[in-house]
Amino acid sequence: MTNTAVLLVRGAWNGPEAWDAVLPELDGYDVRAIALPSSSRSPGAHPAGMYDDAEEIRRAIDEFDAPVTVVAHSYGGIPAAEAVSYCPAVARIVFLASFVLYEGESMVSIAGGPKPHWDIDESAGLVRVRTPEQNIYADLQGDIAAAAIKGLRPQSLRSLTEPLTSSAWKRVPSTYVRASRDRAIPAALTEVFTSRTDALDLLDTGHAPCRVDPVGVARLVRAAAA
């Protein structure tokens, strides 16, 4: 067992199973992939928001007994940045094809509004994603693609609109991992996010590198946690 812990934070519409192929590649680390309350199969009358996700991340970090490397995918980078500002145990944040925001920005605001492939239910406060095979999982095929799509859950609208109050990447060492064939985050935004971190890595995948190239993801996580 290494002396570094790893916390895996998934993106929107997903559960911790998004990391299933990566976990075996991180043998030797105290590693945990967590569920975030904003993406639930049973969201209830008041779906959780981004700040609730940040609190869940804080609780998970506090459970480790070693310095923590937080690896956040896509939307997960937003509550991770919110949470890590208050967690001195975090040694590095890895933003994996992720959003890297300033205070006052939200996922919706930085993207210029809701995306065309979002199906928004205003009354329930939920967002579902249409055509994930075209934008999120464009480079997945066969059973892997089918399982990923089947596993998608409703995401709370609050989580996508609540603004960041603290940008941890300004104070905590951070790495951006760019997915070269990403269709979910425009290249212009990726350039902005890359400029906000202090290191850059590259994977030749679409928006779901943890499913397409789990070995490559684990290699980068190990390097970041070293």
Protein backbone atom coordinates (compact mmCIF):
# COMPACT_ATOMS: atom_id res chain seq x y z
CA MET A 1 0.00 0.00 0.00
CA THR A 2 1.37 3.43 -0.96
CA ASN A 3 1.31 6.41 1.39
CA THR A 4 -1.05 8.30 -0.93
CA ALA A 5 -4.83 7.89 -1.13
CA VAL A 6 -6.88 8.43 -4.29
CA LEU A 7 -10.45 9.69 -4.41
CA LEU A 8 -12.30 9.25 -7.71
CA VAL A 9 -15.15 11.67 -8.45
CA ARG A 10 -17.34 10.91 -11.44
CA GLY A 11 -19.04 13.29 -13.87
CA ALA A 12 -22.70 14.19 -14.30
CA TRP A 13 -25.35 11.52 -14.93
CA ASN A 14 -23.03 8.78 -13.69
CA GLY A 15 -22.50 6.69 -10.59
CA PRO A 16 -19.20 5.43 -9.16
CA GLU A 17 -19.34 2.42 -11.50
CA ALA A 18 -17.94 4.74 -14.17
CA TRP A 19 -14.55 4.00 -12.56
CA ASP A 20 -14.93 0.20 -12.43
CA ALA A 21 -12.32 -0.45 -15.14
CA VAL A 22 -9.81 1.93 -13.52
CA LEU A 23 -9.97 0.56 -9.97
CA PRO A 24 -8.08 -2.72 -10.66
CA GLU A 25 -5.31 -0.67 -12.29
CA LEU A 26 -4.73 1.25 -9.04
CA ASP A 27 -3.84 -1.76 -6.95
CA GLY A 28 -1.67 -0.72 -4.02
CA TYR A 29 -3.46 2.58 -3.39
CA ASP A 30 -6.07 3.33 -0.79
CA VAL A 31 -8.63 4.26 -3.43
CA ARG A 32 -12.34 5.00 -3.36
CA ALA A 33 -14.87 5.94 -6.03
CA ILE A 34 -17.80 7.82 -4.52
CA ALA A 35 -21.42 8.43 -5.43
CA LEU A 36 -22.58 12.03 -5.56
CA PRO A 37 -26.09 12.91 -4.38
CA SER A 38 -26.83 15.17 -7.38
CA SER A 39 -27.08 12.11 -9.62
CA SER A 40 -29.51 9.65 -8.10
CA ARG A 41 -31.93 7.08 -9.47
CA SER A 42 -34.37 8.27 -6.78
CA PRO A 43 -33.77 12.03 -6.49
CA GLY A 44 -36.85 12.79 -4.40
CA ALA A 45 -38.77 16.05 -4.26
CA HIS A 46 -35.68 18.23 -3.76
CA PRO A 47 -32.73 16.91 -5.81
CA ALA A 48 -29.31 17.60 -4.32
CA GLY A 49 -27.10 20.31 -5.75
CA MET A 50 -23.42 21.01 -6.34
CA TYR A 51 -22.84 22.15 -2.76
CA ASP A 52 -24.26 18.85 -1.50
CA ASP A 53 -21.81 17.04 -3.78
CA ALA A 54 -18.96 19.12 -2.39
CA GLU A 55 -19.92 18.18 1.15
CA GLU A 56 -19.94 14.49 0.19
CA ILE A 57 -16.45 14.87 -1.27
CA ARG A 58 -15.22 16.56 1.93
CA ARG A 59 -16.58 13.71 4.03
CA ALA A 60 -14.84 11.15 1.82
CA ILE A 61 -11.50 12.99 2.02
CA ASP A 62 -11.73 13.12 5.81
CA GLU A 63 -12.02 9.31 5.95
CA PHE A 64 -8.52 8.79 4.53
CA ASP A 65 -5.43 8.53 6.71
CA ALA A 66 -2.97 9.70 4.04
CA PRO A 67 -2.47 12.64 1.68
CA VAL A 68 -5.18 12.50 -0.97
CA THR A 69 -5.04 12.90 -4.74
CA VAL A 70 -8.52 13.83 -5.97
CA VAL A 71 -9.31 12.75 -9.54
CA ALA A 72 -12.44 14.41 -10.90
CA HIS A 73 -14.07 13.74 -14.25
CA SER A 74 -16.15 16.29 -16.20
CA TYR A 75 -18.77 17.96 -13.94
CA GLY A 76 -17.06 16.34 -10.94
CA GLY A 77 -14.29 18.91 -11.17
CA ILE A 78 -16.70 21.61 -9.99
CA PRO A 79 -17.74 20.18 -6.60
CA ALA A 80 -14.21 18.83 -6.19
CA ALA A 81 -12.77 22.35 -6.48
CA GLU A 82 -15.44 23.60 -4.07
CA ALA A 83 -14.65 20.86 -1.56
CA VAL A 84 -10.87 20.76 -1.71
CA SER A 85 -10.52 24.40 -0.70
CA TYR A 86 -11.42 23.30 2.81
CA CYS A 87 -9.43 20.05 2.89
CA PRO A 88 -5.71 20.54 3.68
CA ALA A 89 -5.09 16.79 3.28
CA VAL A 90 -5.40 17.07 -0.51
CA ALA A 91 -2.01 16.95 -2.25
CA ARG A 92 -3.18 17.35 -5.86
CA ILE A 93 -6.30 17.63 -7.99
CA VAL A 94 -6.44 15.85 -11.36
CA PHE A 95 -9.08 17.33 -13.66
CA LEU A 96 -9.90 14.52 -16.11
CA ALA A 97 -11.66 15.98 -19.19
CA SER A 98 -13.18 18.24 -16.60
CA PHE A 99 -14.47 21.73 -15.82
CA VAL A 100 -12.05 24.10 -14.06
CA LEU A 101 -14.04 27.12 -12.92
CA TYR A 102 -13.48 30.48 -11.30
CA GLU A 103 -15.59 31.66 -8.38
CA GLY A 104 -19.03 32.69 -9.60
CA GLU A 105 -19.01 30.34 -12.59
CA SER A 106 -21.25 27.29 -12.94
CA MET A 107 -21.33 24.49 -15.49
CA VAL A 108 -24.23 26.19 -17.28
CA SER A 109 -22.71 29.66 -17.24
CA ILE A 110 -19.30 28.60 -18.54
CA ALA A 111 -20.97 26.59 -21.32
CA GLY A 112 -23.08 29.58 -22.40
CA GLY A 113 -26.38 28.04 -21.29
CA PRO A 114 -28.02 24.61 -21.37
CA LYS A 115 -26.70 22.31 -24.08
CA PRO A 116 -28.87 21.07 -26.99
CA HIS A 117 -28.53 17.45 -25.87
CA TRP A 118 -29.96 18.17 -22.40
CA ASP A 119 -33.57 17.20 -21.71
CA ILE A 120 -34.59 19.53 -18.86
CA ASP A 121 -37.58 18.82 -16.62
CA GLU A 122 -38.03 22.19 -14.88
CA SER A 123 -40.84 20.98 -12.61
CA ALA A 124 -38.79 18.09 -11.22
CA GLY A 125 -35.50 20.00 -11.28
CA LEU A 126 -33.81 17.23 -13.27
CA VAL A 127 -31.75 17.01 -16.44
CA ARG A 128 -31.35 13.93 -18.61
CA VAL A 129 -28.97 13.62 -21.51
CA ARG A 130 -30.10 12.80 -25.04
CA THR A 131 -27.94 11.02 -27.63
CA PRO A 132 -25.09 10.17 -25.22
CA GLU A 133 -23.66 7.91 -27.91
CA GLN A 134 -22.92 11.03 -29.97
CA ASN A 135 -21.38 13.38 -27.41
CA ILE A 136 -20.34 11.55 -24.22
CA TYR A 137 -19.62 8.03 -25.44
CA ALA A 138 -18.78 8.61 -29.09
CA ASP A 139 -15.75 6.32 -28.97
CA LEU A 140 -17.38 3.48 -27.03
CA GLN A 141 -18.71 0.45 -28.85
CA GLY A 142 -20.73 -2.70 -28.28
CA ASP A 143 -21.48 -3.93 -24.79
CA ILE A 144 -19.30 -1.27 -23.15
CA ALA A 145 -21.30 1.50 -24.81
CA ALA A 146 -24.62 -0.17 -24.00
CA ALA A 147 -23.69 -0.58 -20.32
CA ALA A 148 -22.50 3.01 -20.03
CA ILE A 149 -25.70 4.39 -21.57
CA LYS A 150 -27.91 2.13 -19.46
CA GLY A 151 -26.15 3.36 -16.33
CA LEU A 152 -26.95 7.03 -16.91
CA ARG A 153 -29.08 8.68 -14.23
CA PRO A 154 -30.98 11.97 -13.97
CA GLN A 155 -28.80 14.88 -12.88
CA SER A 156 -30.15 17.68 -10.72
CA LEU A 157 -30.53 21.03 -12.47
CA ARG A 158 -29.28 22.76 -9.29
CA SER A 159 -25.93 21.03 -9.55
CA LEU A 160 -25.37 22.45 -13.04
CA THR A 161 -26.36 26.01 -12.13
CA GLU A 162 -24.99 26.57 -8.62
CA PRO A 163 -21.87 28.79 -8.81
CA LEU A 164 -18.49 27.91 -7.43
CA THR A 165 -17.54 29.86 -4.31
CA SER A 166 -13.90 28.76 -4.02
CA SER A 167 -11.43 27.73 -6.73
CA ALA A 168 -9.12 25.23 -5.04
CA TRP A 169 -6.91 24.91 -8.12
CA LYS A 170 -5.51 28.37 -7.32
CA ARG A 171 -3.92 26.99 -4.14
CA VAL A 172 -3.64 23.23 -4.60
CA PRO A 173 -1.31 21.69 -7.22
CA SER A 174 -3.44 20.63 -10.17
CA THR A 175 -3.18 18.67 -13.41
CA TYR A 176 -5.47 18.89 -16.42
CA VAL A 177 -5.88 15.74 -18.49
CA ARG A 178 -7.13 16.66 -21.93
CA ALA A 179 -9.10 14.12 -23.97
CA SER A 180 -8.07 14.79 -27.56
CA ARG A 181 -11.34 13.54 -29.10
CA ASP A 182 -13.71 15.06 -26.55
CA ARG A 183 -17.09 16.04 -28.05
CA ALA A 184 -18.71 17.10 -24.78
CA ILE A 185 -16.38 19.98 -23.87
CA PRO A 186 -15.55 22.33 -26.77
CA ALA A 187 -11.87 22.67 -27.61
CA ALA A 188 -11.93 26.41 -26.87
CA LEU A 189 -13.14 25.72 -23.32
CA THR A 190 -10.55 23.00 -22.85
CA GLU A 191 -7.85 25.53 -23.72
CA VAL A 192 -9.21 27.85 -21.02
CA PHE A 193 -9.31 25.07 -18.43
CA THR A 194 -5.80 23.91 -19.32
CA SER A 195 -4.45 27.41 -18.73
CA ARG A 196 -5.84 27.41 -15.19
CA THR A 197 -3.84 24.39 -14.01
CA ASP A 198 -0.10 23.92 -13.50
CA ALA A 199 0.40 20.68 -15.44
CA LEU A 200 -1.05 19.08 -18.57
CA ASP A 201 -1.41 15.48 -19.71
CA LEU A 202 -3.11 14.08 -22.81
CA LEU A 203 -5.19 11.00 -23.56
CA ASP A 204 -6.31 10.02 -27.05
CA THR A 205 -9.95 9.39 -26.13
CA GLY A 206 -13.35 11.00 -26.16
CA HIS A 207 -15.14 12.34 -23.09
CA ALA A 208 -15.09 9.07 -21.14
CA PRO A 209 -11.40 8.12 -20.81
CA CYS A 210 -11.99 6.03 -17.70
CA ARG A 211 -14.06 3.65 -19.83
CA VAL A 212 -12.05 3.84 -23.06
CA ASP A 213 -8.49 3.79 -21.68
CA PRO A 214 -8.51 2.77 -18.01
CA VAL A 215 -4.85 1.75 -18.14
CA GLY A 216 -3.87 5.18 -19.45
CA VAL A 217 -6.00 6.92 -16.83
CA ALA A 218 -4.44 4.85 -14.05
CA ARG A 219 -0.95 5.61 -15.35
CA LEU A 220 -1.62 9.35 -15.15
CA VAL A 221 -3.19 9.01 -11.70
CA ARG A 222 -0.14 7.13 -10.44
CA ALA A 223 2.15 9.83 -11.80
CA ALA A 224 0.06 12.57 -10.18
CA ALA A 225 -0.02 10.76 -6.84
CA ALA A 226 3.72 10.05 -6.79
